[in-house]
Amino acid sequence: MADTLQGRIIEGAFRSPHNGFQQAPGSIHNDEVAAKLGFKGGTVPGSVHMDQFAPLLVETYGVDWFARGNMSLHFTQATVDREEVKAVMEAASPRSRLTMFNREGVQVCIGTASNATRDPESEMTRRMAAQAPAGALRILAGYEVGDVNTDIPMRIEGEALEKSLSRITERLPLYDEGILPPSHLVRLAHISRPTVLAKVNQSVGLFGALEIRITDGPLKADRDYVGRTTMLKLTESPKTENAWYDVDIADAATGEDVATVTFMIRFMKASSPLWAKPA
């Protein structure tokens, strides 16, 4: 495997991801909200960018990646609706390197992927370990590392998947069989957001990093799953407060875990009234 993969560069074509959440009120995907926070427009969710790497992963690891594989991305530059971006993969063993660039050559994200169920040196794992714990948080003041939520129903309807496939950047034949694209695996896990982030004070958030780990896939539409969440770390930067948490997904019929999605969500301090005044 190492001799076959090492140093092989695979590039996708430039694609124009769609921001399908433009009308969401109070969201970073809304032009007006994003502009007030210094962005050039409503942002395309980072999960959408994951789909452009899927053909490269299949070319390298085969369709079995959807059964037992991982992908981990750290987002460095937000993009807007229809902004052209290209996915690039440096195939290697034990992990491949992923990057994405826009037409101007600005890096949109950087990451890792492999055909293992877990990578101890994935992009998100390394970055989370390097972060110092936060001091006195305001937006995330109600949280502690180790907080857990359980028994969260999760399901992606086949009709919703089919509708989104009409605008997906890379449509693979296996999606027509109901297998969830990477973006929809994130969407499935993100159903937990109202539960896990119920105590977040008023603030606008966006994906800072995402990691998918599939242990017994593929995951499919029209199937019931159950989620549980675990808060892993709370950090901050000059502009954000950050929540890092796992969403473990179990098959509702068997109770067995089938995948985990790790989120790092950045909450913009400038969007919160708690940061409009001294502590």
C-alpha atoms as a PDB file:
ATOM      1  CA  MET A   1       0.000   0.000   0.000  1.00  0.00           C
ATOM      2  CA  ALA A   2       2.737   2.482   0.982  1.00  0.00           C
ATOM      3  CA  ASP A   3       4.659   1.936  -2.292  1.00  0.00           C
ATOM      4  CA  THR A   4       1.461   2.444  -4.280  1.00  0.00           C
ATOM      5  CA  LEU A   5       0.292   5.567  -2.486  1.00  0.00           C
ATOM      6  CA  GLN A   6       3.346   7.511  -1.394  1.00  0.00           C
ATOM      7  CA  GLY A   7       3.551  10.934  -2.984  1.00  0.00           C
ATOM      8  CA  ARG A   8       0.818  10.455  -5.597  1.00  0.00           C
ATOM      9  CA  ILE A   9      -1.037  13.718  -6.206  1.00  0.00           C
ATOM     10  CA  ILE A  10      -4.691  13.576  -7.247  1.00  0.00           C
ATOM     11  CA  GLU A  11      -6.574  16.744  -8.181  1.00  0.00           C
ATOM     12  CA  GLY A  12     -10.261  17.269  -8.674  1.00  0.00           C
ATOM     13  CA  ALA A  13     -11.806  19.826 -10.996  1.00  0.00           C
ATOM     14  CA  PHE A  14     -12.838  23.302  -9.883  1.00  0.00           C
ATOM     15  CA  ARG A  15     -16.395  23.155  -8.568  1.00  0.00           C
ATOM     16  CA  SER A  16     -18.861  25.824  -7.421  1.00  0.00           C
ATOM     17  CA  PRO A  17     -20.413  24.746  -4.098  1.00  0.00           C
ATOM     18  CA  HIS A  18     -23.871  26.065  -3.340  1.00  0.00           C
ATOM     19  CA  ASN A  19     -24.788  27.824  -0.106  1.00  0.00           C
ATOM     20  CA  GLY A  20     -28.182  26.285   0.509  1.00  0.00           C
ATOM     21  CA  PHE A  21     -28.697  28.020   3.851  1.00  0.00           C
ATOM     22  CA  GLN A  22     -28.758  31.646   2.709  1.00  0.00           C
ATOM     23  CA  GLN A  23     -32.232  32.256   4.142  1.00  0.00           C
ATOM     24  CA  ALA A  24     -31.457  30.919   7.623  1.00  0.00           C
ATOM     25  CA  PRO A  25     -32.080  33.801  10.056  1.00  0.00           C
ATOM     26  CA  GLY A  26     -29.202  34.738  12.354  1.00  0.00           C
ATOM     27  CA  SER A  27     -26.882  32.337  10.528  1.00  0.00           C
ATOM     28  CA  ILE A  28     -23.327  32.826   9.265  1.00  0.00           C
ATOM     29  CA  HIS A  29     -24.670  31.501   5.949  1.00  0.00           C
ATOM     30  CA  ASN A  30     -26.843  34.624   5.588  1.00  0.00           C
ATOM     31  CA  ASP A  31     -25.221  37.476   3.623  1.00  0.00           C
ATOM     32  CA  GLU A  32     -26.363  40.228   5.982  1.00  0.00           C
ATOM     33  CA  VAL A  33     -25.256  38.413   9.145  1.00  0.00           C
ATOM     34  CA  ALA A  34     -21.918  37.370   7.647  1.00  0.00           C
ATOM     35  CA  ALA A  35     -21.163  40.882   6.341  1.00  0.00           C
ATOM     36  CA  LYS A  36     -21.645  42.380   9.798  1.00  0.00           C
ATOM     37  CA  LEU A  37     -19.007  39.975  11.104  1.00  0.00           C
ATOM     38  CA  GLY A  38     -16.464  40.877   8.430  1.00  0.00           C
ATOM     39  CA  PHE A  39     -17.088  38.084   5.922  1.00  0.00           C
ATOM     40  CA  LYS A  40     -17.538  38.806   2.215  1.00  0.00           C
ATOM     41  CA  GLY A  41     -20.894  37.036   2.210  1.00  0.00           C
ATOM     42  CA  GLY A  42     -22.868  34.151   3.617  1.00  0.00           C
ATOM     43  CA  THR A  43     -20.496  31.235   3.979  1.00  0.00           C
ATOM     44  CA  VAL A  44     -20.721  27.795   2.379  1.00  0.00           C
ATOM     45  CA  PRO A  45     -20.800  25.181   5.180  1.00  0.00           C
ATOM     46  CA  GLY A  46     -17.487  23.402   5.549  1.00  0.00           C
ATOM     47  CA  SER A  47     -19.311  20.079   5.397  1.00  0.00           C
ATOM     48  CA  VAL A  48     -20.221  20.842   1.768  1.00  0.00           C
ATOM     49  CA  HIS A  49     -16.529  21.027   0.897  1.00  0.00           C
ATOM     50  CA  MET A  50     -16.071  17.489   2.186  1.00  0.00           C
ATOM     51  CA  ASP A  51     -18.029  16.140  -0.774  1.00  0.00           C
ATOM     52  CA  GLN A  52     -15.370  17.286  -3.250  1.00  0.00           C
ATOM     53  CA  PHE A  53     -12.850  14.955  -1.658  1.00  0.00           C
ATOM     54  CA  ALA A  54     -15.113  11.898  -1.956  1.00  0.00           C
ATOM     55  CA  PRO A  55     -14.096  10.932  -5.539  1.00  0.00           C
ATOM     56  CA  LEU A  56     -10.421  11.220  -4.570  1.00  0.00           C
ATOM     57  CA  LEU A  57     -10.989   8.991  -1.538  1.00  0.00           C
ATOM     58  CA  VAL A  58     -12.793   6.394  -3.656  1.00  0.00           C
ATOM     59  CA  GLU A  59     -10.016   6.487  -6.271  1.00  0.00           C
ATOM     60  CA  THR A  60      -7.436   5.889  -3.547  1.00  0.00           C
ATOM     61  CA  TYR A  61      -9.211   3.553  -1.118  1.00  0.00           C
ATOM     62  CA  GLY A  62     -12.195   2.253  -3.070  1.00  0.00           C
ATOM     63  CA  VAL A  63     -15.855   2.445  -2.053  1.00  0.00           C
ATOM     64  CA  ASP A  64     -14.934   0.632   1.163  1.00  0.00           C
ATOM     65  CA  TRP A  65     -13.919   4.047   2.508  1.00  0.00           C
ATOM     66  CA  PHE A  66     -17.655   4.599   3.118  1.00  0.00           C
ATOM     67  CA  ALA A  67     -17.670   1.468   5.279  1.00  0.00           C
ATOM     68  CA  ARG A  68     -14.492   2.054   7.319  1.00  0.00           C
ATOM     69  CA  GLY A  69     -12.693   5.332   6.708  1.00  0.00           C
ATOM     70  CA  ASN A  70     -11.973   8.756   8.121  1.00  0.00           C
ATOM     71  CA  MET A  71     -11.613  12.350   6.927  1.00  0.00           C
ATOM     72  CA  SER A  72     -10.529  15.316   9.041  1.00  0.00           C
ATOM     73  CA  LEU A  73     -10.565  18.944   7.840  1.00  0.00           C
ATOM     74  CA  HIS A  74      -9.522  22.234   9.419  1.00  0.00           C
ATOM     75  CA  PHE A  75     -11.059  25.263   7.667  1.00  0.00           C
ATOM     76  CA  THR A  76      -8.761  28.224   7.057  1.00  0.00           C
ATOM     77  CA  GLN A  77     -10.762  30.447   4.692  1.00  0.00           C
ATOM     78  CA  ALA A  78     -14.538  30.786   4.376  1.00  0.00           C
ATOM     79  CA  THR A  79     -16.047  30.675   0.885  1.00  0.00           C
ATOM     80  CA  VAL A  80     -19.266  32.119  -0.506  1.00  0.00           C
ATOM     81  CA  ASP A  81     -21.990  30.787  -2.788  1.00  0.00           C
ATOM     82  CA  ARG A  82     -20.665  29.479  -6.139  1.00  0.00           C
ATOM     83  CA  GLU A  83     -17.047  30.435  -5.342  1.00  0.00           C
ATOM     84  CA  GLU A  84     -14.917  27.992  -7.308  1.00  0.00           C
ATOM     85  CA  VAL A  85     -12.663  25.670  -5.322  1.00  0.00           C
ATOM     86  CA  LYS A  86     -10.489  22.642  -6.114  1.00  0.00           C
ATOM     87  CA  ALA A  87      -9.798  19.582  -3.944  1.00  0.00           C
ATOM     88  CA  VAL A  88      -6.274  18.141  -3.931  1.00  0.00           C
ATOM     89  CA  MET A  89      -5.092  14.902  -2.305  1.00  0.00           C
ATOM     90  CA  GLU A  90      -1.557  13.721  -1.706  1.00  0.00           C
ATOM     91  CA  ALA A  91      -2.119  10.002  -1.335  1.00  0.00           C
ATOM     92  CA  ALA A  92       0.177   8.413   1.230  1.00  0.00           C
ATOM     93  CA  SER A  93       0.329   5.795   3.937  1.00  0.00           C
ATOM     94  CA  PRO A  94      -0.638   5.695   6.779  1.00  0.00           C
ATOM     95  CA  ARG A  95      -2.605   8.862   5.948  1.00  0.00           C
ATOM     96  CA  SER A  96      -3.186  11.111   2.969  1.00  0.00           C
ATOM     97  CA  ARG A  97      -3.016  14.900   3.013  1.00  0.00           C
ATOM     98  CA  LEU A  98      -5.977  16.948   1.807  1.00  0.00           C
ATOM     99  CA  THR A  99      -6.037  20.582   0.714  1.00  0.00           C
ATOM    100  CA  MET A 100      -8.503  22.839  -1.055  1.00  0.00           C
ATOM    101  CA  PHE A 101      -7.838  26.122  -2.862  1.00  0.00           C
ATOM    102  CA  ASN A 102      -9.916  28.788  -4.594  1.00  0.00           C
ATOM    103  CA  ARG A 103      -9.114  30.257  -8.014  1.00  0.00           C
ATOM    104  CA  GLU A 104      -6.771  32.829  -6.447  1.00  0.00           C
ATOM    105  CA  GLY A 105      -4.770  30.051  -4.804  1.00  0.00           C
ATOM    106  CA  VAL A 106      -5.981  30.847  -1.284  1.00  0.00           C
ATOM    107  CA  GLN A 107      -6.150  27.755   0.919  1.00  0.00           C
ATOM    108  CA  VAL A 108      -9.711  26.955   2.028  1.00  0.00           C
ATOM    109  CA  CYS A 109      -8.964  23.928   4.186  1.00  0.00           C
ATOM    110  CA  ILE A 110      -6.279  21.430   5.102  1.00  0.00           C
ATOM    111  CA  GLY A 111      -6.686  17.935   6.430  1.00  0.00           C
ATOM    112  CA  THR A 112      -6.057  14.216   6.467  1.00  0.00           C
ATOM    113  CA  ALA A 113      -7.808  11.012   5.429  1.00  0.00           C
ATOM    114  CA  SER A 114      -7.233   7.271   5.491  1.00  0.00           C
ATOM    115  CA  ASN A 115      -9.009   3.944   5.213  1.00  0.00           C
ATOM    116  CA  ALA A 116      -8.742   3.315   8.959  1.00  0.00           C
ATOM    117  CA  THR A 117     -11.631   3.806  11.354  1.00  0.00           C
ATOM    118  CA  ARG A 118      -9.525   6.172  13.452  1.00  0.00           C
ATOM    119  CA  ASP A 119      -6.298   8.103  12.904  1.00  0.00           C
ATOM    120  CA  PRO A 120      -4.457   9.086  16.116  1.00  0.00           C
ATOM    121  CA  GLU A 121      -2.647  11.809  14.177  1.00  0.00           C
ATOM    122  CA  SER A 122      -5.560  13.201  12.183  1.00  0.00           C
ATOM    123  CA  GLU A 123      -5.704  16.923  11.450  1.00  0.00           C
ATOM    124  CA  MET A 124      -8.329  17.618  14.111  1.00  0.00           C
ATOM    125  CA  THR A 125      -6.736  15.379  16.740  1.00  0.00           C
ATOM    126  CA  ARG A 126      -3.407  17.175  16.440  1.00  0.00           C
ATOM    127  CA  ARG A 127      -4.946  20.638  16.451  1.00  0.00           C
ATOM    128  CA  MET A 128      -7.197  19.938  19.417  1.00  0.00           C
ATOM    129  CA  ALA A 129      -4.279  18.573  21.442  1.00  0.00           C
ATOM    130  CA  ALA A 130      -2.277  21.744  20.734  1.00  0.00           C
ATOM    131  CA  GLN A 131      -5.010  24.056  22.057  1.00  0.00           C
ATOM    132  CA  ALA A 132      -4.727  25.372  25.598  1.00  0.00           C
ATOM    133  CA  PRO A 133      -7.930  25.145  27.676  1.00  0.00           C
ATOM    134  CA  ALA A 134      -9.963  28.339  27.706  1.00  0.00           C
ATOM    135  CA  GLY A 135     -10.055  30.766  30.588  1.00  0.00           C
ATOM    136  CA  ALA A 136     -13.280  32.511  31.596  1.00  0.00           C
ATOM    137  CA  LEU A 137     -15.757  31.851  28.798  1.00  0.00           C
ATOM    138  CA  ARG A 138     -18.895  33.893  28.261  1.00  0.00           C
ATOM    139  CA  ILE A 139     -20.729  32.331  25.315  1.00  0.00           C
ATOM    140  CA  LEU A 140     -19.875  28.795  26.443  1.00  0.00           C
ATOM    141  CA  ALA A 141     -19.972  29.506  30.164  1.00  0.00           C
ATOM    142  CA  GLY A 142     -22.594  26.821  30.777  1.00  0.00           C
ATOM    143  CA  TYR A 143     -20.393  23.957  29.580  1.00  0.00           C
ATOM    144  CA  GLU A 144     -17.741  21.674  31.015  1.00  0.00           C
ATOM    145  CA  VAL A 145     -15.483  19.091  29.433  1.00  0.00           C
ATOM    146  CA  GLY A 146     -17.150  15.708  29.819  1.00  0.00           C
ATOM    147  CA  ASP A 147     -20.745  16.935  29.408  1.00  0.00           C
ATOM    148  CA  VAL A 148     -22.803  14.152  27.808  1.00  0.00           C
ATOM    149  CA  ASN A 149     -26.171  13.942  26.034  1.00  0.00           C
ATOM    150  CA  THR A 150     -27.774  10.650  25.016  1.00  0.00           C
ATOM    151  CA  ASP A 151     -30.705   9.133  23.117  1.00  0.00           C
ATOM    152  CA  ILE A 152     -30.894  11.750  20.339  1.00  0.00           C
ATOM    153  CA  PRO A 153     -32.993  10.463  17.398  1.00  0.00           C
ATOM    154  CA  MET A 154     -31.313  10.964  14.014  1.00  0.00           C
ATOM    155  CA  ARG A 155     -32.510  10.298  10.494  1.00  0.00           C
ATOM    156  CA  ILE A 156     -31.976  11.644   6.972  1.00  0.00           C
ATOM    157  CA  GLU A 157     -34.995  11.155   4.744  1.00  0.00           C
ATOM    158  CA  GLY A 158     -34.383   9.716   1.292  1.00  0.00           C
ATOM    159  CA  GLU A 159     -36.420  12.507  -0.271  1.00  0.00           C
ATOM    160  CA  ALA A 160     -34.171  15.129   1.329  1.00  0.00           C
ATOM    161  CA  LEU A 161     -31.043  13.329   0.104  1.00  0.00           C
ATOM    162  CA  GLU A 162     -32.393  13.058  -3.421  1.00  0.00           C
ATOM    163  CA  LYS A 163     -33.241  16.758  -3.499  1.00  0.00           C
ATOM    164  CA  SER A 164     -29.762  17.770  -2.390  1.00  0.00           C
ATOM    165  CA  LEU A 165     -28.068  15.512  -4.940  1.00  0.00           C
ATOM    166  CA  SER A 166     -29.258  17.843  -7.686  1.00  0.00           C
ATOM    167  CA  ARG A 167     -26.774  20.466  -6.440  1.00  0.00           C
ATOM    168  CA  ILE A 168     -24.007  18.372  -4.886  1.00  0.00           C
ATOM    169  CA  THR A 169     -20.514  19.178  -6.187  1.00  0.00           C
ATOM    170  CA  GLU A 170     -19.606  15.539  -6.849  1.00  0.00           C
ATOM    171  CA  ARG A 171     -22.386  13.013  -7.409  1.00  0.00           C
ATOM    172  CA  LEU A 172     -21.187   9.441  -6.981  1.00  0.00           C
ATOM    173  CA  PRO A 173     -23.370   6.517  -8.163  1.00  0.00           C
ATOM    174  CA  LEU A 174     -23.467   5.054  -4.661  1.00  0.00           C
ATOM    175  CA  TYR A 175     -25.442   8.075  -3.430  1.00  0.00           C
ATOM    176  CA  ASP A 176     -28.310   6.949  -5.650  1.00  0.00           C
ATOM    177  CA  GLU A 177     -28.398   3.791  -3.499  1.00  0.00           C
ATOM    178  CA  GLY A 178     -29.146   5.926  -0.441  1.00  0.00           C
ATOM    179  CA  ILE A 179     -25.590   6.007   0.927  1.00  0.00           C
ATOM    180  CA  LEU A 180     -24.940   9.314   2.668  1.00  0.00           C
ATOM    181  CA  PRO A 181     -22.303  11.653   1.195  1.00  0.00           C
ATOM    182  CA  PRO A 182     -19.807  13.086   3.713  1.00  0.00           C
ATOM    183  CA  SER A 183     -21.818  16.324   3.972  1.00  0.00           C
ATOM    184  CA  HIS A 184     -24.935  14.363   4.913  1.00  0.00           C
ATOM    185  CA  LEU A 185     -23.114  12.280   7.480  1.00  0.00           C
ATOM    186  CA  VAL A 186     -22.223  15.601   9.100  1.00  0.00           C
ATOM    187  CA  ARG A 187     -25.831  16.734   8.666  1.00  0.00           C
ATOM    188  CA  LEU A 188     -27.034  13.557  10.386  1.00  0.00           C
ATOM    189  CA  ALA A 189     -24.734  14.194  13.355  1.00  0.00           C
ATOM    190  CA  HIS A 190     -25.618  17.897  13.366  1.00  0.00           C
ATOM    191  CA  ILE A 191     -29.196  16.989  14.269  1.00  0.00           C
ATOM    192  CA  SER A 192     -27.753  16.898  17.787  1.00  0.00           C
ATOM    193  CA  ARG A 193     -26.906  20.612  17.752  1.00  0.00           C
ATOM    194  CA  PRO A 194     -30.094  21.905  19.468  1.00  0.00           C
ATOM    195  CA  THR A 195     -29.400  19.425  22.268  1.00  0.00           C
ATOM    196  CA  VAL A 196     -25.660  19.670  22.733  1.00  0.00           C
ATOM    197  CA  LEU A 197     -25.554  23.465  22.314  1.00  0.00           C
ATOM    198  CA  ALA A 198     -28.842  24.290  24.027  1.00  0.00           C
ATOM    199  CA  LYS A 199     -27.069  26.405  26.662  1.00  0.00           C
ATOM    200  CA  VAL A 200     -25.111  28.555  24.219  1.00  0.00           C
ATOM    201  CA  ASN A 201     -25.774  32.230  24.794  1.00  0.00           C
ATOM    202  CA  GLN A 202     -26.716  34.375  21.795  1.00  0.00           C
ATOM    203  CA  SER A 203     -23.965  34.035  19.213  1.00  0.00           C
ATOM    204  CA  VAL A 204     -23.260  33.149  15.569  1.00  0.00           C
ATOM    205  CA  GLY A 205     -21.289  29.948  15.035  1.00  0.00           C
ATOM    206  CA  LEU A 206     -19.536  28.268  12.131  1.00  0.00           C
ATOM    207  CA  PHE A 207     -17.597  25.066  11.525  1.00  0.00           C
ATOM    208  CA  GLY A 208     -13.914  25.487  12.358  1.00  0.00           C
ATOM    209  CA  ALA A 209     -13.071  21.822  11.853  1.00  0.00           C
ATOM    210  CA  LEU A 210     -14.875  18.555  11.139  1.00  0.00           C
ATOM    211  CA  GLU A 211     -13.860  14.928  11.373  1.00  0.00           C
ATOM    212  CA  ILE A 212     -15.735  11.853  10.126  1.00  0.00           C
ATOM    213  CA  ARG A 213     -14.881   8.375  11.416  1.00  0.00           C
ATOM    214  CA  ILE A 214     -16.888   5.473   9.994  1.00  0.00           C
ATOM    215  CA  THR A 215     -16.655   2.212  11.926  1.00  0.00           C
ATOM    216  CA  ASP A 216     -19.451   0.114  10.427  1.00  0.00           C
ATOM    217  CA  GLY A 217     -20.864   1.741   7.334  1.00  0.00           C
ATOM    218  CA  PRO A 218     -22.037   2.795   4.978  1.00  0.00           C
ATOM    219  CA  LEU A 219     -24.648   4.993   6.646  1.00  0.00           C
ATOM    220  CA  LYS A 220     -27.862   5.424   4.674  1.00  0.00           C
ATOM    221  CA  ALA A 221     -30.923   7.598   4.269  1.00  0.00           C
ATOM    222  CA  ASP A 222     -34.306   6.350   5.489  1.00  0.00           C
ATOM    223  CA  ARG A 223     -32.633   4.607   8.416  1.00  0.00           C
ATOM    224  CA  ASP A 224     -33.016   5.420  12.103  1.00  0.00           C
ATOM    225  CA  TYR A 225     -29.963   6.242  14.182  1.00  0.00           C
ATOM    226  CA  VAL A 226     -29.404   7.357  17.770  1.00  0.00           C
ATOM    227  CA  GLY A 227     -26.766   9.888  18.831  1.00  0.00           C
ATOM    228  CA  ARG A 228     -24.867  10.693  21.984  1.00  0.00           C
ATOM    229  CA  THR A 229     -22.555  13.661  22.425  1.00  0.00           C
ATOM    230  CA  THR A 230     -19.477  14.253  24.570  1.00  0.00           C
ATOM    231  CA  MET A 231     -17.839  17.655  25.122  1.00  0.00           C
ATOM    232  CA  LEU A 232     -14.113  17.168  24.513  1.00  0.00           C
ATOM    233  CA  LYS A 233     -12.580  20.606  24.914  1.00  0.00           C
ATOM    234  CA  LEU A 234     -13.413  24.305  25.291  1.00  0.00           C
ATOM    235  CA  THR A 235     -10.960  26.825  23.853  1.00  0.00           C
ATOM    236  CA  GLU A 236     -10.828  30.423  22.681  1.00  0.00           C
ATOM    237  CA  SER A 237      -9.023  32.791  20.336  1.00  0.00           C
ATOM    238  CA  PRO A 238      -9.070  36.602  20.185  1.00  0.00           C
ATOM    239  CA  LYS A 239     -12.184  36.432  17.985  1.00  0.00           C
ATOM    240  CA  THR A 240     -13.923  33.192  18.961  1.00  0.00           C
ATOM    241  CA  GLU A 241     -14.959  30.763  21.663  1.00  0.00           C
ATOM    242  CA  ASN A 242     -14.707  27.160  20.482  1.00  0.00           C
ATOM    243  CA  ALA A 243     -16.572  23.978  21.389  1.00  0.00           C
ATOM    244  CA  TRP A 244     -15.007  20.626  20.435  1.00  0.00           C
ATOM    245  CA  TYR A 245     -17.321  17.640  20.795  1.00  0.00           C
ATOM    246  CA  ASP A 246     -17.974  14.121  19.551  1.00  0.00           C
ATOM    247  CA  VAL A 247     -21.268  12.871  18.191  1.00  0.00           C
ATOM    248  CA  ASP A 248     -21.313   9.078  18.326  1.00  0.00           C
ATOM    249  CA  ILE A 249     -23.925   7.569  16.027  1.00  0.00           C
ATOM    250  CA  ALA A 250     -25.490   4.178  16.723  1.00  0.00           C
ATOM    251  CA  ASP A 251     -27.809   2.077  14.586  1.00  0.00           C
ATOM    252  CA  ALA A 252     -31.201   2.346  16.292  1.00  0.00           C
ATOM    253  CA  ALA A 253     -32.064  -1.259  15.486  1.00  0.00           C
ATOM    254  CA  THR A 254     -28.916  -2.857  16.903  1.00  0.00           C
ATOM    255  CA  GLY A 255     -27.619  -0.243  19.331  1.00  0.00           C
ATOM    256  CA  GLU A 256     -24.135  -0.668  17.839  1.00  0.00           C
ATOM    257  CA  ASP A 257     -21.988   2.378  17.050  1.00  0.00           C
ATOM    258  CA  VAL A 258     -21.483   2.914  13.329  1.00  0.00           C
ATOM    259  CA  ALA A 259     -19.773   6.319  13.068  1.00  0.00           C
ATOM    260  CA  THR A 260     -18.517   9.360  14.934  1.00  0.00           C
ATOM    261  CA  VAL A 261     -18.421  12.986  13.810  1.00  0.00           C
ATOM    262  CA  THR A 262     -16.241  15.413  15.739  1.00  0.00           C
ATOM    263  CA  PHE A 263     -17.168  19.087  15.552  1.00  0.00           C
ATOM    264  CA  MET A 264     -15.172  22.188  16.343  1.00  0.00           C
ATOM    265  CA  ILE A 265     -17.600  25.077  16.249  1.00  0.00           C
ATOM    266  CA  ARG A 266     -16.353  28.643  16.459  1.00  0.00           C
ATOM    267  CA  PHE A 267     -18.682  31.125  18.107  1.00  0.00           C
ATOM    268  CA  MET A 268     -17.931  34.695  17.027  1.00  0.00           C
ATOM    269  CA  LYS A 269     -17.356  36.997  19.993  1.00  0.00           C
ATOM    270  CA  ALA A 270     -18.387  39.986  17.878  1.00  0.00           C
ATOM    271  CA  SER A 271     -21.849  38.447  17.457  1.00  0.00           C
ATOM    272  CA  SER A 272     -22.508  38.090  21.188  1.00  0.00           C
ATOM    273  CA  PRO A 273     -23.839  40.824  23.492  1.00  0.00           C
ATOM    274  CA  LEU A 274     -21.763  39.167  26.233  1.00  0.00           C
ATOM    275  CA  TRP A 275     -18.630  40.467  24.508  1.00  0.00           C
ATOM    276  CA  ALA A 276     -20.014  43.969  23.985  1.00  0.00           C
ATOM    277  CA  LYS A 277     -19.164  44.897  27.563  1.00  0.00           C
ATOM    278  CA  PRO A 278     -16.304  44.184  30.000  1.00  0.00           C
ATOM    279  CA  ALA A 279     -16.448  40.941  31.939  1.00  0.00           C
END
